[in-house]
Amino acid sequence: MFGMGRLGTKTRTFRPGLWLFVIIAMELGVVLAVGLPYVSGDDPWETWGWPVWISDGFSLLVVPVVVFASFSLVRHQRRERDQASKTSRLMDTVLSTSREWLWAIGHDGRFTFSSPAGVDLIGYEPSELLGRHFRLVIDPDDLANALQAKTSTQNAAGWSGLHAVCRHKDGSRVVVEVSGRALRDAAGQPNGFEGTSRALDPLTLDALATGEIRSRIEAILASRTLLTAFQPIRSLETDAVLGAEALTRFLSPQGISPEVWFVEAAAVGLDVELEILALETALRAATGLPPSLSVSVNLSPRACLDPRLPDIFANAGIPMGRIVLEVTERQHVVDYGPLAAALASLRGRGLRIAVDDAGSGFASMRHVLLLKPDVIKLDRDIIAGIDTDQGQRALGAAMVGFAKEIGASLVAEGIETEAELSAVAELGMTAGQGYLLGRPSVRPEDWAQWDEAFQRRGRPKTSMNPGPN
């Protein structure tokens, strides 16, 4: 992404004496050009039958008109350049001083512009975002769900006041308010988006936390109105579906992404309660999945310590051997002792442990080293563009070797192009997840098709397979 450069035009002072001299010189030139032939005895207008005074008079009248028109045009163009220069300087000042992050993305989802305010908001310089997909800073699925809810009450071409979670360069989460509009080309076809984002200021967050957020989350907890979408996890060797990850969906018109719900719940101390409700909803929905598939559910480290978990998993209605518990990076863990002990107890009952978003930050790698998971899910920051970035390929290859050393299976998240799919397969990754391999769905008929593909292609030998019943 690039910042807006300074444009300037040096303005020159208009001097009437100079232009008067030019007009007189042109007039004399025309008179001489017409009159000199008569001095030599020639009559250039003889064939026309015109006296010389007509041509001289005509020339003397036309030349000032032409000169005046030229002068007016030059002056108009100079005014336009001056105005453009002022506008450019004003825009440069706005972009340099505004706390609003101005951005634009093309039809392929990649950034085409980023203002300097993005550095303070998400940590990325404009040049670091240019040409990168927006999934680098925001989850496309979360954004799509928030946008769908928001545009149900606003014009689909534009929206404002949408709350979403951006991922900072350092791995932290930032709650932002997003406003924008869709762009269209000359034919009226979608051609990207442009808009602004700003961090919700502390006073706004405090006001929301003490009022609207708490009441909204308490209403969800009381009504238990959540949905679960499942996204398939496929074998990269056979293309068979090995399992499905449970993704929470909120039935809300406020235009708030699922990630924001959990971040805001943490702000009012209701994060564990909301996670437990999401877990129970997911496990209940998982009874409708084909029995050949494993089921991945997400919990934060703090929720993993909740004493209700053993009973929830025991009464889930599906065997513990089918469940994979993904530990998220939402919270910093000071003492891994209690967390490791709680997970060891669940492991003893057949549950498998996964670390989500591995490679996205220091916290996720600490999870991997200290929890020794059965499954490592590589963050999409490593996978996106891995076909062209040598550094990402090297890191991916290192993670393949590391997973083998600790006996864990590796899942590549966020695969969205055929080139990325080929690259991760060449590196030795055997399982993947992403829009290219299957979008999240709440429809049981879609889940049934995953099982048919599994049975048709045969049961692959991989640790993502469900354990014994």
Foldseek 3Di string as FASTA:
>chain_A
DDAQDADADDDDDDDVVVLVVVLVVQLVVQCCVLPVCVVVPDDPCVVVVDDSVVSSVVSNVVSVVVSVVVVVVVVVVSVVRHVVNVVRVVVNVCLVPPLKWKWWAWPVQATCFIGCNCCVQANDGGVRRHRAHQCQWFPPVLQVQLLVLQCVPPPNQWGWQAWGWTQHQQGAIFIKTWTWGFDADPVRHTTTIITIIHGDDPVNLVVCLVPVLVVVVVVCLVVLDKFWWWFFKAWLVQLATAATETDIHDPDSNSYGPVVNLVSCVVNVNNLVVLVSSVLNQLQLCLLFPLFHAYEYEDELVNLLDPCVVVSLVPSNHQQLRYEYEYEQNDADPDCVSSLVSVVVSVVRNHFYEYPQPPSHDRSVVCCVPNVGQEYEHHVVLLRPVLPDPVSLVVLLVVVVVCVVSNHAYEYEADDDPSSSVSSVVSPHTMYTHVVSGDIDSDSVVSVVSVVSDVVRDPDDDSSTGDDD
